[in-house]
């Protein structure tokens, strides 16, 4: 959970779910279908459905790999600008949307 009034660029994201690197340069994040809690784990075993796959494109995959729990969003943005150039503009607005969605999906947390 973020603190109210915290500067997004200073936040340090950390991955919380397993993922798989795909051959085409994308990433698939595996999200438990019924949540991470005790009930979710029980239902997963009982029902046996596969986890939900969250597919990230090339830019999302690079962003995902940079979420190592050490880099701030500002630093991640700099790395993405260096690699993708104008393709990622406006970088920080895009990162704001990306991290909002990833946090709501429960696949990242703030360190």
N, C-alpha and C. Protein backbone atom coordinates (compact mmCIF):
# COMPACT_ATOMS: atom_id res chain seq x y z
N UNK A 1 0.84 -1.17 0.00
CA UNK A 1 0.00 0.00 0.00
C UNK A 1 0.89 1.24 0.00
N UNK A 2 0.54 2.21 -0.81
CA UNK A 2 1.33 3.43 -0.86
C UNK A 2 0.87 4.39 0.22
N UNK A 3 1.79 5.24 0.65
CA UNK A 3 1.44 6.26 1.62
C UNK A 3 0.82 7.42 0.87
N UNK A 4 -0.18 8.03 1.47
CA UNK A 4 -0.81 9.21 0.86
C UNK A 4 0.21 10.31 0.73
N UNK A 5 0.25 10.93 -0.42
CA UNK A 5 1.17 12.03 -0.65
C UNK A 5 2.57 11.59 -1.02
N UNK A 6 2.83 10.28 -1.11
CA UNK A 6 4.16 9.81 -1.49
C UNK A 6 4.38 10.10 -2.97
N UNK A 7 5.59 10.46 -3.33
CA UNK A 7 5.94 10.72 -4.71
C UNK A 7 6.13 9.39 -5.42
N UNK A 8 5.36 9.17 -6.47
CA UNK A 8 5.42 7.91 -7.20
C UNK A 8 6.82 7.64 -7.72
N UNK A 9 7.53 8.65 -8.17
CA UNK A 9 8.85 8.44 -8.74
C UNK A 9 9.87 7.95 -7.72
N UNK A 10 9.61 8.19 -6.43
CA UNK A 10 10.51 7.72 -5.38
C UNK A 10 10.19 6.31 -4.91
N UNK A 11 9.04 5.78 -5.31
CA UNK A 11 8.61 4.45 -4.86
C UNK A 11 9.50 3.38 -5.49
N UNK A 12 9.68 2.29 -4.76
CA UNK A 12 10.52 1.18 -5.23
C UNK A 12 9.64 -0.06 -5.35
N UNK A 13 9.31 -0.45 -6.60
CA UNK A 13 8.46 -1.62 -6.80
C UNK A 13 9.24 -2.92 -6.71
N UNK A 14 8.53 -3.96 -6.26
CA UNK A 14 9.14 -5.29 -6.12
C UNK A 14 8.12 -6.32 -6.62
N UNK A 15 8.59 -7.25 -7.43
CA UNK A 15 7.71 -8.31 -7.95
C UNK A 15 7.29 -9.23 -6.80
N UNK A 16 6.02 -9.68 -6.85
CA UNK A 16 5.54 -10.57 -5.80
C UNK A 16 5.02 -11.90 -6.34
N UNK A 17 4.99 -12.07 -7.63
CA UNK A 17 4.45 -13.29 -8.23
C UNK A 17 5.47 -13.93 -9.15
N UNK A 18 5.37 -15.26 -9.33
CA UNK A 18 6.28 -15.93 -10.26
C UNK A 18 5.98 -15.51 -11.69
N UNK A 19 6.96 -15.65 -12.55
CA UNK A 19 6.78 -15.27 -13.94
C UNK A 19 7.59 -16.20 -14.84
N UNK A 20 7.28 -16.09 -16.11
CA UNK A 20 7.97 -16.92 -17.11
C UNK A 20 8.39 -16.01 -18.27
N UNK A 21 9.66 -16.05 -18.63
CA UNK A 21 10.15 -15.33 -19.81
C UNK A 21 9.78 -16.14 -21.04
N UNK A 22 9.18 -15.48 -22.02
CA UNK A 22 8.79 -16.15 -23.25
C UNK A 22 9.87 -15.95 -24.31
N UNK A 23 9.88 -16.80 -25.32
CA UNK A 23 10.89 -16.75 -26.37
C UNK A 23 10.83 -15.47 -27.19
N UNK A 24 9.66 -14.85 -27.29
CA UNK A 24 9.50 -13.66 -28.13
C UNK A 24 9.82 -12.35 -27.39
N UNK A 25 10.42 -12.45 -26.20
CA UNK A 25 10.80 -11.26 -25.45
C UNK A 25 9.73 -10.71 -24.53
N UNK A 26 8.62 -11.40 -24.41
CA UNK A 26 7.56 -10.98 -23.51
C UNK A 26 7.68 -11.75 -22.19
N UNK A 27 6.81 -11.41 -21.25
CA UNK A 27 6.79 -12.07 -19.94
C UNK A 27 5.35 -12.47 -19.63
N UNK A 28 5.19 -13.62 -19.02
CA UNK A 28 3.90 -14.05 -18.51
C UNK A 28 4.01 -14.14 -16.99
N UNK A 29 3.18 -13.34 -16.30
CA UNK A 29 3.14 -13.35 -14.84
C UNK A 29 2.03 -14.30 -14.43
N UNK A 30 2.30 -15.18 -13.48
CA UNK A 30 1.33 -16.18 -13.03
C UNK A 30 0.67 -15.71 -11.74
N UNK A 31 -0.64 -15.47 -11.83
CA UNK A 31 -1.41 -14.95 -10.70
C UNK A 31 -2.33 -16.05 -10.20
N UNK A 32 -2.25 -16.42 -8.91
CA UNK A 32 -3.14 -17.46 -8.39
C UNK A 32 -4.61 -17.09 -8.63
N UNK A 33 -5.36 -18.02 -9.17
CA UNK A 33 -6.75 -17.77 -9.54
C UNK A 33 -7.62 -17.38 -8.34
N UNK A 34 -7.36 -17.94 -7.19
CA UNK A 34 -8.20 -17.72 -6.03
C UNK A 34 -7.50 -16.93 -4.92
N UNK A 35 -6.39 -16.29 -5.23
CA UNK A 35 -5.68 -15.50 -4.23
C UNK A 35 -4.59 -16.29 -3.54
N UNK A 36 -3.84 -15.59 -2.70
CA UNK A 36 -2.69 -16.18 -2.02
C UNK A 36 -2.99 -16.70 -0.63
N UNK A 37 -4.16 -16.40 -0.10
CA UNK A 37 -4.49 -16.79 1.26
C UNK A 37 -4.73 -18.28 1.41
N UNK A 38 -5.00 -18.69 2.63
CA UNK A 38 -5.23 -20.10 2.93
C UNK A 38 -6.41 -20.66 2.13
N UNK A 39 -7.49 -19.90 2.08
CA UNK A 39 -8.68 -20.35 1.33
C UNK A 39 -8.35 -20.46 -0.15
N UNK A 40 -7.62 -19.47 -0.68
CA UNK A 40 -7.23 -19.51 -2.08
C UNK A 40 -6.38 -20.71 -2.42
N UNK A 41 -5.42 -21.02 -1.56
CA UNK A 41 -4.57 -22.20 -1.80
C UNK A 41 -5.39 -23.48 -1.73
N UNK A 42 -6.35 -23.55 -0.78
CA UNK A 42 -7.21 -24.73 -0.69
C UNK A 42 -8.04 -24.88 -1.95
N UNK A 43 -8.67 -23.79 -2.39
CA UNK A 43 -9.49 -23.85 -3.60
C UNK A 43 -8.66 -24.22 -4.82
N UNK A 44 -7.45 -23.72 -4.88
CA UNK A 44 -6.58 -24.04 -6.01
C UNK A 44 -6.34 -25.55 -6.08
N UNK A 45 -6.07 -26.17 -4.94
CA UNK A 45 -5.85 -27.61 -4.91
C UNK A 45 -7.14 -28.37 -5.19
N UNK A 46 -8.24 -27.90 -4.61
CA UNK A 46 -9.52 -28.60 -4.74
C UNK A 46 -10.09 -28.49 -6.15
N UNK A 47 -10.11 -27.29 -6.68
CA UNK A 47 -10.68 -27.05 -8.01
C UNK A 47 -9.67 -27.40 -9.10
N UNK A 48 -8.40 -27.12 -8.82
CA UNK A 48 -7.34 -27.51 -9.75
C UNK A 48 -7.23 -26.66 -10.99
N UNK A 49 -7.75 -25.45 -10.98
CA UNK A 49 -7.63 -24.60 -12.16
C UNK A 49 -6.26 -23.94 -12.20
N UNK A 50 -5.76 -23.76 -13.40
CA UNK A 50 -4.46 -23.13 -13.59
C UNK A 50 -4.50 -21.67 -13.16
N UNK A 51 -3.34 -21.13 -12.80
CA UNK A 51 -3.30 -19.70 -12.44
C UNK A 51 -3.66 -18.84 -13.64
N UNK A 52 -4.02 -17.60 -13.36
CA UNK A 52 -4.32 -16.64 -14.42
C UNK A 52 -2.99 -16.16 -14.99
N UNK A 53 -2.90 -16.08 -16.29
CA UNK A 53 -1.68 -15.62 -16.95
C UNK A 53 -1.85 -14.17 -17.35
N UNK A 54 -0.95 -13.34 -16.88
CA UNK A 54 -0.95 -11.92 -17.22
C UNK A 54 0.21 -11.71 -18.20
N UNK A 55 -0.12 -11.40 -19.45
CA UNK A 55 0.89 -11.29 -20.50
C UNK A 55 1.36 -9.84 -20.64
N UNK A 56 2.68 -9.65 -20.60
CA UNK A 56 3.28 -8.34 -20.75
C UNK A 56 4.04 -8.26 -22.07
N UNK A 57 3.85 -7.17 -22.80
CA UNK A 57 4.56 -6.97 -24.06
C UNK A 57 6.04 -6.67 -23.79
N UNK A 58 6.77 -6.32 -24.84
CA UNK A 58 8.21 -6.10 -24.71
C UNK A 58 8.55 -5.00 -23.71
N UNK A 59 7.83 -3.89 -23.76
CA UNK A 59 8.09 -2.79 -22.83
C UNK A 59 7.67 -3.17 -21.42
N UNK A 60 6.52 -3.82 -21.29
CA UNK A 60 6.08 -4.29 -19.97
C UNK A 60 7.02 -5.31 -19.39
N UNK A 61 7.56 -6.19 -20.25
CA UNK A 61 8.51 -7.22 -19.79
C UNK A 61 9.80 -6.57 -19.28
N UNK A 62 10.29 -5.57 -20.00
CA UNK A 62 11.50 -4.88 -19.56
C UNK A 62 11.25 -4.17 -18.23
N UNK A 63 10.09 -3.53 -18.11
CA UNK A 63 9.72 -2.87 -16.86
C UNK A 63 9.65 -3.88 -15.73
N UNK A 64 9.04 -5.03 -15.99
CA UNK A 64 8.90 -6.09 -14.99
C UNK A 64 10.28 -6.54 -14.50
N UNK A 65 11.21 -6.74 -15.41
CA UNK A 65 12.55 -7.18 -15.02
C UNK A 65 13.28 -6.13 -14.19
N UNK A 66 12.96 -4.87 -14.41
CA UNK A 66 13.61 -3.79 -13.66
C UNK A 66 13.03 -3.63 -12.25
N UNK A 67 11.90 -4.27 -11.98
CA UNK A 67 11.27 -4.20 -10.64
C UNK A 67 11.94 -5.19 -9.71
N UNK A 68 13.14 -4.88 -9.30
CA UNK A 68 13.95 -5.81 -8.51
C UNK A 68 14.00 -5.46 -7.03
N UNK A 69 13.23 -4.45 -6.62
CA UNK A 69 13.23 -4.07 -5.21
C UNK A 69 14.39 -3.16 -4.85
N UNK A 70 15.17 -2.72 -5.85
CA UNK A 70 16.29 -1.81 -5.60
C UNK A 70 16.14 -0.50 -6.35
N UNK A 71 15.51 -0.53 -7.52
CA UNK A 71 15.39 0.66 -8.36
C UNK A 71 14.08 1.39 -8.08
N UNK A 72 14.16 2.72 -8.06
CA UNK A 72 12.94 3.53 -7.94
C UNK A 72 12.28 3.63 -9.30
N UNK A 73 11.05 4.08 -9.32
CA UNK A 73 10.35 4.26 -10.59
C UNK A 73 11.07 5.29 -11.45
N UNK A 74 11.66 6.31 -10.82
CA UNK A 74 12.44 7.29 -11.58
C UNK A 74 13.60 6.61 -12.30
N UNK A 75 14.32 5.73 -11.60
CA UNK A 75 15.45 5.01 -12.21
C UNK A 75 14.98 4.06 -13.30
N UNK A 76 13.86 3.39 -13.06
CA UNK A 76 13.29 2.49 -14.07
C UNK A 76 12.96 3.27 -15.33
N UNK A 77 12.36 4.45 -15.16
CA UNK A 77 12.03 5.29 -16.31
C UNK A 77 13.26 5.66 -17.11
N UNK A 78 14.35 5.98 -16.43
CA UNK A 78 15.60 6.30 -17.12
C UNK A 78 16.13 5.13 -17.93
N UNK A 79 16.07 3.94 -17.36
CA UNK A 79 16.51 2.73 -18.07
C UNK A 79 15.65 2.48 -19.30
N UNK A 80 14.35 2.66 -19.15
CA UNK A 80 13.44 2.44 -20.28
C UNK A 80 13.65 3.46 -21.38
N UNK A 81 13.88 4.72 -21.00
CA UNK A 81 14.16 5.75 -22.01
C UNK A 81 15.44 5.44 -22.78
N UNK A 82 16.45 4.94 -22.07
CA UNK A 82 17.72 4.60 -22.71
C UNK A 82 17.54 3.46 -23.70
N UNK A 83 16.69 2.50 -23.39
CA UNK A 83 16.52 1.34 -24.26
C UNK A 83 15.52 1.59 -25.39
N UNK A 84 14.40 2.24 -25.10
CA UNK A 84 13.32 2.36 -26.08
C UNK A 84 13.20 3.75 -26.71
N UNK A 85 13.87 4.74 -26.17
CA UNK A 85 13.84 6.08 -26.75
C UNK A 85 12.44 6.66 -26.83
N UNK A 86 12.11 7.24 -27.98
CA UNK A 86 10.81 7.89 -28.16
C UNK A 86 9.64 6.92 -28.13
N UNK A 87 9.91 5.65 -28.34
CA UNK A 87 8.83 4.64 -28.32
C UNK A 87 8.08 4.62 -27.00
N UNK A 88 8.74 5.02 -25.92
CA UNK A 88 8.13 4.93 -24.60
C UNK A 88 7.56 6.25 -24.12
N UNK A 89 7.74 7.32 -24.87
CA UNK A 89 7.23 8.63 -24.44
C UNK A 89 5.71 8.65 -24.38
N UNK A 90 5.14 9.27 -23.38
CA UNK A 90 5.71 9.89 -22.19
C UNK A 90 5.95 8.83 -21.11
N UNK A 91 7.18 8.59 -20.78
CA UNK A 91 7.59 7.46 -19.96
C UNK A 91 6.96 7.45 -18.57
N UNK A 92 6.96 8.56 -17.87
CA UNK A 92 6.49 8.52 -16.48
C UNK A 92 4.97 8.42 -16.37
N UNK A 93 4.27 8.98 -17.35
CA UNK A 93 2.82 8.80 -17.37
C UNK A 93 2.48 7.33 -17.64
N UNK A 94 3.22 6.74 -18.57
CA UNK A 94 3.00 5.31 -18.87
C UNK A 94 3.33 4.44 -17.66
N UNK A 95 4.41 4.77 -16.97
CA UNK A 95 4.78 4.00 -15.78
C UNK A 95 3.74 4.15 -14.68
N UNK A 96 3.17 5.32 -14.54
CA UNK A 96 2.11 5.52 -13.55
C UNK A 96 0.94 4.59 -13.79
N UNK A 97 0.51 4.50 -15.04
CA UNK A 97 -0.60 3.60 -15.40
C UNK A 97 -0.18 2.14 -15.19
N UNK A 98 1.02 1.79 -15.64
CA UNK A 98 1.51 0.41 -15.52
C UNK A 98 1.53 -0.03 -14.06
N UNK A 99 2.13 0.78 -13.19
CA UNK A 99 2.25 0.37 -11.80
C UNK A 99 0.91 0.40 -11.07
N UNK A 100 0.03 1.27 -11.46
CA UNK A 100 -1.31 1.26 -10.88
C UNK A 100 -2.00 -0.07 -11.20
N UNK A 101 -1.91 -0.49 -12.45
CA UNK A 101 -2.54 -1.76 -12.86
C UNK A 101 -1.86 -2.97 -12.21
N UNK A 102 -0.54 -2.94 -12.14
CA UNK A 102 0.17 -4.07 -11.54
C UNK A 102 -0.13 -4.18 -10.05
N UNK A 103 -0.25 -3.05 -9.38
CA UNK A 103 -0.57 -3.06 -7.94
C UNK A 103 -1.99 -3.57 -7.72
N UNK A 104 -2.93 -3.12 -8.55
CA UNK A 104 -4.30 -3.60 -8.43
C UNK A 104 -4.40 -5.10 -8.71
N UNK A 105 -3.57 -5.60 -9.61
CA UNK A 105 -3.55 -7.04 -9.91
C UNK A 105 -2.85 -7.83 -8.81
N UNK A 106 -2.15 -7.13 -7.91
CA UNK A 106 -1.47 -7.79 -6.80
C UNK A 106 -0.17 -8.46 -7.16
N UNK A 107 0.45 -8.01 -8.27
CA UNK A 107 1.69 -8.67 -8.69
C UNK A 107 2.95 -7.88 -8.33
N UNK A 108 2.78 -6.66 -7.83
CA UNK A 108 3.91 -5.91 -7.28
C UNK A 108 3.51 -5.34 -5.93
N UNK A 109 4.52 -5.02 -5.18
CA UNK A 109 4.31 -4.35 -3.90
C UNK A 109 5.38 -3.29 -3.77
N UNK A 110 5.18 -2.39 -2.85
CA UNK A 110 6.15 -1.31 -2.66
C UNK A 110 7.10 -1.67 -1.53
N UNK A 111 8.37 -1.50 -1.77
CA UNK A 111 9.40 -1.79 -0.78
C UNK A 111 9.62 -0.57 0.09
